[in-house]
Amino acid sequence: MVSIGLALVGLAFMIPTLFFVLCGIVPIACGLIAIVVGILAKVRASKDPLNWGGGGLAIGGIIVGVLCLVAPVLYIIVYAVFIYSLSR
């Protein structure tokens, strides 16, 4: 639950990234934490499925966390290339 929650918070903070480049820090941080927590949850769920459930939520958190990690970085790169091309 924590992994998917953090990933969704990071996904929500990607909207301001479209307008302000430095807002990409929050989705990247939430994405990294969501990936780590999701991996830990998936390992626990696979070792002891009776006590630790939520393996599917952990996988969802990992996937959305990767999206939160990759999308702002790509946006910042595209924005930097666009600004550089305008300055030439």
PDB file of N, CA and C in Angstrom:
ATOM      1  N   MET A   1       0.808  -1.193   0.000  1.00  0.00           N
ATOM      2  CA  MET A   1       0.000   0.000   0.000  1.00  0.00           C
ATOM      3  C   MET A   1       0.856   1.263   0.000  1.00  0.00           C
ATOM      4  N   VAL A   2       1.948   1.232   0.719  1.00  0.00           N
ATOM      5  CA  VAL A   2       2.807   2.413   0.785  1.00  0.00           C
ATOM      6  C   VAL A   2       3.438   2.679  -0.575  1.00  0.00           C
ATOM      7  N   SER A   3       3.858   1.612  -1.244  1.00  0.00           N
ATOM      8  CA  SER A   3       4.513   1.756  -2.540  1.00  0.00           C
ATOM      9  C   SER A   3       3.576   2.383  -3.563  1.00  0.00           C
ATOM     10  N   ILE A   4       2.366   1.859  -3.684  1.00  0.00           N
ATOM     11  CA  ILE A   4       1.431   2.406  -4.668  1.00  0.00           C
ATOM     12  C   ILE A   4       0.983   3.807  -4.262  1.00  0.00           C
ATOM     13  N   GLY A   5       0.884   4.064  -2.965  1.00  0.00           N
ATOM     14  CA  GLY A   5       0.519   5.402  -2.503  1.00  0.00           C
ATOM     15  C   GLY A   5       1.569   6.438  -2.863  1.00  0.00           C
ATOM     16  N   LEU A   6       2.823   6.119  -2.607  1.00  0.00           N
ATOM     17  CA  LEU A   6       3.903   7.045  -2.963  1.00  0.00           C
ATOM     18  C   LEU A   6       3.999   7.238  -4.470  1.00  0.00           C
ATOM     19  N   ALA A   7       3.796   6.153  -5.203  1.00  0.00           N
ATOM     20  CA  ALA A   7       3.853   6.255  -6.657  1.00  0.00           C
ATOM     21  C   ALA A   7       2.738   7.152  -7.186  1.00  0.00           C
ATOM     22  N   LEU A   8       1.556   7.060  -6.601  1.00  0.00           N
ATOM     23  CA  LEU A   8       0.452   7.919  -7.036  1.00  0.00           C
ATOM     24  C   LEU A   8       0.681   9.377  -6.653  1.00  0.00           C
ATOM     25  N   VAL A   9       1.303   9.615  -5.507  1.00  0.00           N
ATOM     26  CA  VAL A   9       1.667  10.992  -5.137  1.00  0.00           C
ATOM     27  C   VAL A   9       2.679  11.543  -6.137  1.00  0.00           C
ATOM     28  N   GLY A  10       3.661  10.735  -6.488  1.00  0.00           N
ATOM     29  CA  GLY A  10       4.634  11.160  -7.492  1.00  0.00           C
ATOM     30  C   GLY A  10       3.990  11.421  -8.839  1.00  0.00           C
ATOM     31  N   LEU A  11       3.012  10.587  -9.194  1.00  0.00           N
ATOM     32  CA  LEU A  11       2.291  10.773 -10.449  1.00  0.00           C
ATOM     33  C   LEU A  11       1.498  12.080 -10.434  1.00  0.00           C
ATOM     34  N   ALA A  12       0.898  12.410  -9.289  1.00  0.00           N
ATOM     35  CA  ALA A  12       0.153  13.662  -9.176  1.00  0.00           C
ATOM     36  C   ALA A  12       1.080  14.874  -9.271  1.00  0.00           C
ATOM     37  N   PHE A  13       2.290  14.761  -8.770  1.00  0.00           N
ATOM     38  CA  PHE A  13       3.229  15.882  -8.820  1.00  0.00           C
ATOM     39  C   PHE A  13       3.930  15.999 -10.175  1.00  0.00           C
ATOM     40  N   MET A  14       3.629  15.089 -11.099  1.00  0.00           N
ATOM     41  CA  MET A  14       4.194  15.243 -12.441  1.00  0.00           C
ATOM     42  C   MET A  14       3.464  16.319 -13.229  1.00  0.00           C
ATOM     43  N   ILE A  15       2.245  16.670 -12.840  1.00  0.00           N
ATOM     44  CA  ILE A  15       1.497  17.714 -13.542  1.00  0.00           C
ATOM     45  C   ILE A  15       2.202  19.070 -13.436  1.00  0.00           C
ATOM     46  N   PRO A  16       2.651  19.501 -12.234  1.00  0.00           N
ATOM     47  CA  PRO A  16       3.399  20.771 -12.194  1.00  0.00           C
ATOM     48  C   PRO A  16       4.732  20.705 -12.934  1.00  0.00           C
ATOM     49  N   THR A  17       5.251  19.496 -13.145  1.00  0.00           N
ATOM     50  CA  THR A  17       6.511  19.368 -13.871  1.00  0.00           C
ATOM     51  C   THR A  17       6.365  19.863 -15.300  1.00  0.00           C
ATOM     52  N   LEU A  18       5.154  19.793 -15.839  1.00  0.00           N
ATOM     53  CA  LEU A  18       4.934  20.278 -17.194  1.00  0.00           C
ATOM     54  C   LEU A  18       5.113  21.784 -17.292  1.00  0.00           C
ATOM     55  N   PHE A  19       4.968  22.479 -16.166  1.00  0.00           N
ATOM     56  CA  PHE A  19       5.080  23.935 -16.173  1.00  0.00           C
ATOM     57  C   PHE A  19       6.368  24.444 -15.544  1.00  0.00           C
ATOM     58  N   PHE A  20       6.866  23.749 -14.548  1.00  0.00           N
ATOM     59  CA  PHE A  20       8.072  24.174 -13.836  1.00  0.00           C
ATOM     60  C   PHE A  20       9.036  22.994 -13.786  1.00  0.00           C
ATOM     61  N   VAL A  21      10.207  23.146 -14.336  1.00  0.00           N
ATOM     62  CA  VAL A  21      11.148  22.040 -14.461  1.00  0.00           C
ATOM     63  C   VAL A  21      11.608  21.527 -13.099  1.00  0.00           C
ATOM     64  N   LEU A  22      11.817  22.390 -12.124  1.00  0.00           N
ATOM     65  CA  LEU A  22      12.335  21.953 -10.837  1.00  0.00           C
ATOM     66  C   LEU A  22      11.322  21.146 -10.033  1.00  0.00           C
ATOM     67  N   CYS A  23      10.054  21.143 -10.430  1.00  0.00           N
ATOM     68  CA  CYS A  23       9.062  20.324  -9.729  1.00  0.00           C
ATOM     69  C   CYS A  23       9.270  18.839 -10.021  1.00  0.00           C
ATOM     70  N   GLY A  24      10.147  18.499 -10.923  1.00  0.00           N
ATOM     71  CA  GLY A  24      10.440  17.106 -11.209  1.00  0.00           C
ATOM     72  C   GLY A  24      11.169  16.403 -10.083  1.00  0.00           C
ATOM     73  N   ILE A  25      11.623  17.139  -9.098  1.00  0.00           N
ATOM     74  CA  ILE A  25      12.342  16.546  -7.970  1.00  0.00           C
ATOM     75  C   ILE A  25      11.402  15.690  -7.122  1.00  0.00           C
ATOM     76  N   VAL A  26      10.187  16.148  -6.897  1.00  0.00           N
ATOM     77  CA  VAL A  26       9.234  15.404  -6.058  1.00  0.00           C
ATOM     78  C   VAL A  26       8.835  14.077  -6.701  1.00  0.00           C
ATOM     79  N   PRO A  27       8.460  14.033  -7.993  1.00  0.00           N
ATOM     80  CA  PRO A  27       8.135  12.730  -8.587  1.00  0.00           C
ATOM     81  C   PRO A  27       9.315  11.772  -8.626  1.00  0.00           C
ATOM     82  N   ILE A  28      10.506  12.296  -8.848  1.00  0.00           N
ATOM     83  CA  ILE A  28      11.681  11.425  -8.880  1.00  0.00           C
ATOM     84  C   ILE A  28      11.932  10.831  -7.500  1.00  0.00           C
ATOM     85  N   ALA A  29      11.840  11.653  -6.465  1.00  0.00           N
ATOM     86  CA  ALA A  29      12.050  11.155  -5.105  1.00  0.00           C
ATOM     87  C   ALA A  29      10.972  10.149  -4.715  1.00  0.00           C
ATOM     88  N   CYS A  30       9.715  10.470  -4.997  1.00  0.00           N
ATOM     89  CA  CYS A  30       8.626   9.532  -4.680  1.00  0.00           C
ATOM     90  C   CYS A  30       8.758   8.250  -5.490  1.00  0.00           C
ATOM     91  N   GLY A  31       9.181   8.376  -6.734  1.00  0.00           N
ATOM     92  CA  GLY A  31       9.374   7.185  -7.570  1.00  0.00           C
ATOM     93  C   GLY A  31      10.458   6.273  -7.040  1.00  0.00           C
ATOM     94  N   LEU A  32      11.582   6.856  -6.621  1.00  0.00           N
ATOM     95  CA  LEU A  32      12.660   6.043  -6.056  1.00  0.00           C
ATOM     96  C   LEU A  32      12.229   5.324  -4.781  1.00  0.00           C
ATOM     97  N   ILE A  33      11.566   6.054  -3.908  1.00  0.00           N
ATOM     98  CA  ILE A  33      11.113   5.441  -2.655  1.00  0.00           C
ATOM     99  C   ILE A  33      10.065   4.369  -2.931  1.00  0.00           C
ATOM    100  N   ALA A  34       9.162   4.619  -3.884  1.00  0.00           N
ATOM    101  CA  ALA A  34       8.134   3.637  -4.223  1.00  0.00           C
ATOM    102  C   ALA A  34       8.741   2.363  -4.792  1.00  0.00           C
ATOM    103  N   ILE A  35       9.794   2.497  -5.590  1.00  0.00           N
ATOM    104  CA  ILE A  35      10.457   1.316  -6.150  1.00  0.00           C
ATOM    105  C   ILE A  35      11.097   0.490  -5.037  1.00  0.00           C
ATOM    106  N   VAL A  36      11.820   1.156  -4.140  1.00  0.00           N
ATOM    107  CA  VAL A  36      12.495   0.433  -3.046  1.00  0.00           C
ATOM    108  C   VAL A  36      11.481  -0.249  -2.131  1.00  0.00           C
ATOM    109  N   VAL A  37      10.446   0.488  -1.729  1.00  0.00           N
ATOM    110  CA  VAL A  37       9.440  -0.084  -0.839  1.00  0.00           C
ATOM    111  C   VAL A  37       8.666  -1.201  -1.545  1.00  0.00           C
ATOM    112  N   GLY A  38       8.398  -1.040  -2.831  1.00  0.00           N
ATOM    113  CA  GLY A  38       7.702  -2.075  -3.592  1.00  0.00           C
ATOM    114  C   GLY A  38       8.509  -3.353  -3.705  1.00  0.00           C
ATOM    115  N   ILE A  39       9.810  -3.221  -3.911  1.00  0.00           N
ATOM    116  CA  ILE A  39      10.666  -4.407  -3.982  1.00  0.00           C
ATOM    117  C   ILE A  39      10.709  -5.108  -2.628  1.00  0.00           C
ATOM    118  N   LEU A  40      10.841  -4.332  -1.560  1.00  0.00           N
ATOM    119  CA  LEU A  40      10.837  -4.934  -0.227  1.00  0.00           C
ATOM    120  C   LEU A  40       9.513  -5.647   0.056  1.00  0.00           C
ATOM    121  N   ALA A  41       8.405  -5.038  -0.329  1.00  0.00           N
ATOM    122  CA  ALA A  41       7.093  -5.652  -0.099  1.00  0.00           C
ATOM    123  C   ALA A  41       6.925  -6.911  -0.936  1.00  0.00           C
ATOM    124  N   LYS A  42       7.400  -6.887  -2.163  1.00  0.00           N
ATOM    125  CA  LYS A  42       7.281  -8.066  -3.034  1.00  0.00           C
ATOM    126  C   LYS A  42       8.111  -9.222  -2.500  1.00  0.00           C
ATOM    127  N   VAL A  43       9.300  -8.947  -1.983  1.00  0.00           N
ATOM    128  CA  VAL A  43      10.142  -9.993  -1.398  1.00  0.00           C
ATOM    129  C   VAL A  43       9.461 -10.592  -0.174  1.00  0.00           C
ATOM    130  N   ARG A  44       8.921  -9.749   0.687  1.00  0.00           N
ATOM    131  CA  ARG A  44       8.221 -10.253   1.878  1.00  0.00           C
ATOM    132  C   ARG A  44       6.984 -11.056   1.497  1.00  0.00           C
ATOM    133  N   ALA A  45       6.245 -10.593   0.506  1.00  0.00           N
ATOM    134  CA  ALA A  45       5.025 -11.293   0.096  1.00  0.00           C
ATOM    135  C   ALA A  45       5.344 -12.634  -0.545  1.00  0.00           C
ATOM    136  N   SER A  46       6.468 -12.728  -1.233  1.00  0.00           N
ATOM    137  CA  SER A  46       6.809 -14.009  -1.867  1.00  0.00           C
ATOM    138  C   SER A  46       7.390 -15.006  -0.859  1.00  0.00           C
ATOM    139  N   LYS A  47       8.045 -14.515   0.197  1.00  0.00           N
ATOM    140  CA  LYS A  47       8.608 -15.419   1.205  1.00  0.00           C
ATOM    141  C   LYS A  47       7.537 -15.963   2.146  1.00  0.00           C
ATOM    142  N   ASP A  48       6.593 -15.129   2.549  1.00  0.00           N
ATOM    143  CA  ASP A  48       5.570 -15.532   3.507  1.00  0.00           C
ATOM    144  C   ASP A  48       4.217 -14.977   3.059  1.00  0.00           C
ATOM    145  N   PRO A  49       3.564 -15.636   2.079  1.00  0.00           N
ATOM    146  CA  PRO A  49       2.323 -15.076   1.526  1.00  0.00           C
ATOM    147  C   PRO A  49       1.144 -15.093   2.492  1.00  0.00           C
ATOM    148  N   LEU A  50       1.180 -15.924   3.525  1.00  0.00           N
ATOM    149  CA  LEU A  50       0.062 -15.948   4.469  1.00  0.00           C
ATOM    150  C   LEU A  50       0.049 -14.726   5.379  1.00  0.00           C
ATOM    151  N   ASN A  51       1.208 -14.280   5.799  1.00  0.00           N
ATOM    152  CA  ASN A  51       1.292 -13.125   6.694  1.00  0.00           C
ATOM    153  C   ASN A  51       1.432 -11.800   5.948  1.00  0.00           C
ATOM    154  N   TRP A  52       2.078 -11.829   4.794  1.00  0.00           N
ATOM    155  CA  TRP A  52       2.323 -10.601   4.036  1.00  0.00           C
ATOM    156  C   TRP A  52       1.650 -10.730   2.678  1.00  0.00           C
ATOM    157  N   GLY A  53       0.540 -10.052   2.504  1.00  0.00           N
ATOM    158  CA  GLY A  53      -0.136 -10.050   1.214  1.00  0.00           C
ATOM    159  C   GLY A  53       0.219  -8.796   0.444  1.00  0.00           C
ATOM    160  N   GLY A  54      -0.465  -8.591  -0.650  1.00  0.00           N
ATOM    161  CA  GLY A  54      -0.275  -7.354  -1.417  1.00  0.00           C
ATOM    162  C   GLY A  54       0.840  -7.408  -2.416  1.00  0.00           C
ATOM    163  N   GLY A  55       1.152  -8.595  -2.938  1.00  0.00           N
ATOM    164  CA  GLY A  55       2.201  -8.686  -3.953  1.00  0.00           C
ATOM    165  C   GLY A  55       1.827  -7.947  -5.225  1.00  0.00           C
ATOM    166  N   GLY A  56       0.542  -7.972  -5.574  1.00  0.00           N
ATOM    167  CA  GLY A  56       0.086  -7.252  -6.768  1.00  0.00           C
ATOM    168  C   GLY A  56       0.186  -5.750  -6.606  1.00  0.00           C
ATOM    169  N   LEU A  57      -0.143  -5.256  -5.424  1.00  0.00           N
ATOM    170  CA  LEU A  57      -0.001  -3.821  -5.158  1.00  0.00           C
ATOM    171  C   LEU A  57       1.468  -3.405  -5.198  1.00  0.00           C
ATOM    172  N   ALA A  58       2.340  -4.295  -4.739  1.00  0.00           N
ATOM    173  CA  ALA A  58       3.775  -3.997  -4.774  1.00  0.00           C
ATOM    174  C   ALA A  58       4.264  -3.884  -6.212  1.00  0.00           C
ATOM    175  N   ILE A  59       3.810  -4.787  -7.071  1.00  0.00           N
ATOM    176  CA  ILE A  59       4.207  -4.723  -8.481  1.00  0.00           C
ATOM    177  C   ILE A  59       3.655  -3.457  -9.128  1.00  0.00           C
ATOM    178  N   GLY A  60       2.398  -3.106  -8.804  1.00  0.00           N
ATOM    179  CA  GLY A  60       1.831  -1.857  -9.324  1.00  0.00           C
ATOM    180  C   GLY A  60       2.606  -0.644  -8.858  1.00  0.00           C
ATOM    181  N   GLY A  61       3.033  -0.644  -7.593  1.00  0.00           N
ATOM    182  CA  GLY A  61       3.835   0.463  -7.076  1.00  0.00           C
ATOM    183  C   GLY A  61       5.186   0.566  -7.761  1.00  0.00           C
ATOM    184  N   ILE A  62       5.782  -0.586  -8.060  1.00  0.00           N
ATOM    185  CA  ILE A  62       7.073  -0.580  -8.758  1.00  0.00           C
ATOM    186  C   ILE A  62       6.911  -0.012 -10.167  1.00  0.00           C
ATOM    187  N   ILE A  63       5.869  -0.435 -10.864  1.00  0.00           N
ATOM    188  CA  ILE A  63       5.662   0.016 -12.241  1.00  0.00           C
ATOM    189  C   ILE A  63       5.376   1.518 -12.296  1.00  0.00           C
ATOM    190  N   VAL A  64       4.489   1.993 -11.443  1.00  0.00           N
ATOM    191  CA  VAL A  64       4.177   3.427 -11.437  1.00  0.00           C
ATOM    192  C   VAL A  64       5.371   4.225 -10.905  1.00  0.00           C
ATOM    193  N   GLY A  65       6.143   3.641  -9.986  1.00  0.00           N
ATOM    194  CA  GLY A  65       7.356   4.303  -9.499  1.00  0.00           C
ATOM    195  C   GLY A  65       8.383   4.493 -10.601  1.00  0.00           C
ATOM    196  N   VAL A  66       8.524   3.489 -11.453  1.00  0.00           N
ATOM    197  CA  VAL A  66       9.442   3.616 -12.594  1.00  0.00           C
ATOM    198  C   VAL A  66       8.948   4.707 -13.546  1.00  0.00           C
ATOM    199  N   LEU A  67       7.645   4.763 -13.759  1.00  0.00           N
ATOM    200  CA  LEU A  67       7.079   5.819 -14.596  1.00  0.00           C
ATOM    201  C   LEU A  67       7.352   7.194 -13.985  1.00  0.00           C
ATOM    202  N   CYS A  68       7.193   7.308 -12.678  1.00  0.00           N
ATOM    203  CA  CYS A  68       7.471   8.578 -11.991  1.00  0.00           C
ATOM    204  C   CYS A  68       8.949   8.936 -12.033  1.00  0.00           C
ATOM    205  N   LEU A  69       9.787   7.949 -12.172  1.00  0.00           N
ATOM    206  CA  LEU A  69      11.227   8.195 -12.232  1.00  0.00           C
ATOM    207  C   LEU A  69      11.666   8.585 -13.634  1.00  0.00           C
ATOM    208  N   VAL A  70      11.115   7.943 -14.641  1.00  0.00           N
ATOM    209  CA  VAL A  70      11.567   8.137 -16.014  1.00  0.00           C
ATOM    210  C   VAL A  70      10.936   9.361 -16.674  1.00  0.00           C
ATOM    211  N   ALA A  71       9.645   9.590 -16.468  1.00  0.00           N
ATOM    212  CA  ALA A  71       8.935  10.661 -17.174  1.00  0.00           C
ATOM    213  C   ALA A  71       9.496  12.064 -16.889  1.00  0.00           C
ATOM    214  N   PRO A  72       9.731  12.447 -15.630  1.00  0.00           N
ATOM    215  CA  PRO A  72      10.290  13.794 -15.417  1.00  0.00           C
ATOM    216  C   PRO A  72      11.702  13.953 -15.975  1.00  0.00           C
ATOM    217  N   VAL A  73      12.483  12.895 -15.914  1.00  0.00           N
ATOM    218  CA  VAL A  73      13.844  12.970 -16.463  1.00  0.00           C
ATOM    219  C   VAL A  73      13.786  13.193 -17.971  1.00  0.00           C
ATOM    220  N   LEU A  74      12.911  12.444 -18.652  1.00  0.00           N
ATOM    221  CA  LEU A  74      12.765  12.639 -20.097  1.00  0.00           C
ATOM    222  C   LEU A  74      12.229  14.032 -20.415  1.00  0.00           C
ATOM    223  N   TYR A  75      11.288  14.499 -19.602  1.00  0.00           N
ATOM    224  CA  TYR A  75      10.753  15.837 -19.818  1.00  0.00           C
ATOM    225  C   TYR A  75      11.836  16.899 -19.646  1.00  0.00           C
ATOM    226  N   ILE A  76      12.660  16.783 -18.634  1.00  0.00           N
ATOM    227  CA  ILE A  76      13.725  17.750 -18.403  1.00  0.00           C
ATOM    228  C   ILE A  76      14.732  17.732 -19.547  1.00  0.00           C
ATOM    229  N   ILE A  77      15.043  16.542 -20.069  1.00  0.00           N
ATOM    230  CA  ILE A  77      15.969  16.436 -21.205  1.00  0.00           C
ATOM    231  C   ILE A  77      15.371  17.094 -22.438  1.00  0.00           C
ATOM    232  N   VAL A  78      14.105  16.806 -22.733  1.00  0.00           N
ATOM    233  CA  VAL A  78      13.445  17.407 -23.901  1.00  0.00           C
ATOM    234  C   VAL A  78      13.364  18.922 -23.744  1.00  0.00           C
ATOM    235  N   TYR A  79      13.045  19.390 -22.555  1.00  0.00           N
ATOM    236  CA  TYR A  79      12.970  20.828 -22.294  1.00  0.00           C
ATOM    237  C   TYR A  79      14.337  21.490 -22.491  1.00  0.00           C
ATOM    238  N   ALA A  80      15.395  20.855 -21.997  1.00  0.00           N
ATOM    239  CA  ALA A  80      16.739  21.417 -22.139  1.00  0.00           C
ATOM    240  C   ALA A  80      17.156  21.472 -23.612  1.00  0.00           C
ATOM    241  N   VAL A  81      16.839  20.427 -24.368  1.00  0.00           N
ATOM    242  CA  VAL A  81      17.170  20.427 -25.800  1.00  0.00           C
ATOM    243  C   VAL A  81      16.376  21.508 -26.523  1.00  0.00           C
ATOM    244  N   PHE A  82      15.117  21.687 -26.158  1.00  0.00           N
ATOM    245  CA  PHE A  82      14.287  22.717 -26.782  1.00  0.00           C
ATOM    246  C   PHE A  82      14.840  24.111 -26.491  1.00  0.00           C
ATOM    247  N   ILE A  83      15.187  24.385 -25.256  1.00  0.00           N
ATOM    248  CA  ILE A  83      15.747  25.688 -24.897  1.00  0.00           C
ATOM    249  C   ILE A  83      17.085  25.910 -25.591  1.00  0.00           C
ATOM    250  N   TYR A  84      17.896  24.854 -25.669  1.00  0.00           N
ATOM    251  CA  TYR A  84      19.191  24.969 -26.345  1.00  0.00           C
ATOM    252  C   TYR A  84      18.992  25.259 -27.825  1.00  0.00           C
ATOM    253  N   SER A  85      18.017  24.615 -28.437  1.00  0.00           N
ATOM    254  CA  SER A  85      17.802  24.845 -29.875  1.00  0.00           C
ATOM    255  C   SER A  85      17.273  26.250 -30.139  1.00  0.00           C
ATOM    256  N   LEU A  86      16.530  26.830 -29.194  1.00  0.00           N
ATOM    257  CA  LEU A  86      16.066  28.205 -29.366  1.00  0.00           C
ATOM    258  C   LEU A  86      17.192  29.221 -29.210  1.00  0.00           C
ATOM    259  N   SER A  87      18.201  28.889 -28.443  1.00  0.00           N
ATOM    260  CA  SER A  87      19.283  29.843 -28.186  1.00  0.00           C
ATOM    261  C   SER A  87      20.309  29.873 -29.326  1.00  0.00           C
ATOM    262  N   ARG A  88      20.248  28.965 -30.234  1.00  0.00           N
ATOM    263  CA  ARG A  88      21.231  28.936 -31.331  1.00  0.00           C
ATOM    264  C   ARG A  88      20.809  29.833 -32.414  1.00  0.00           C
TER     265      ARG A  88
END
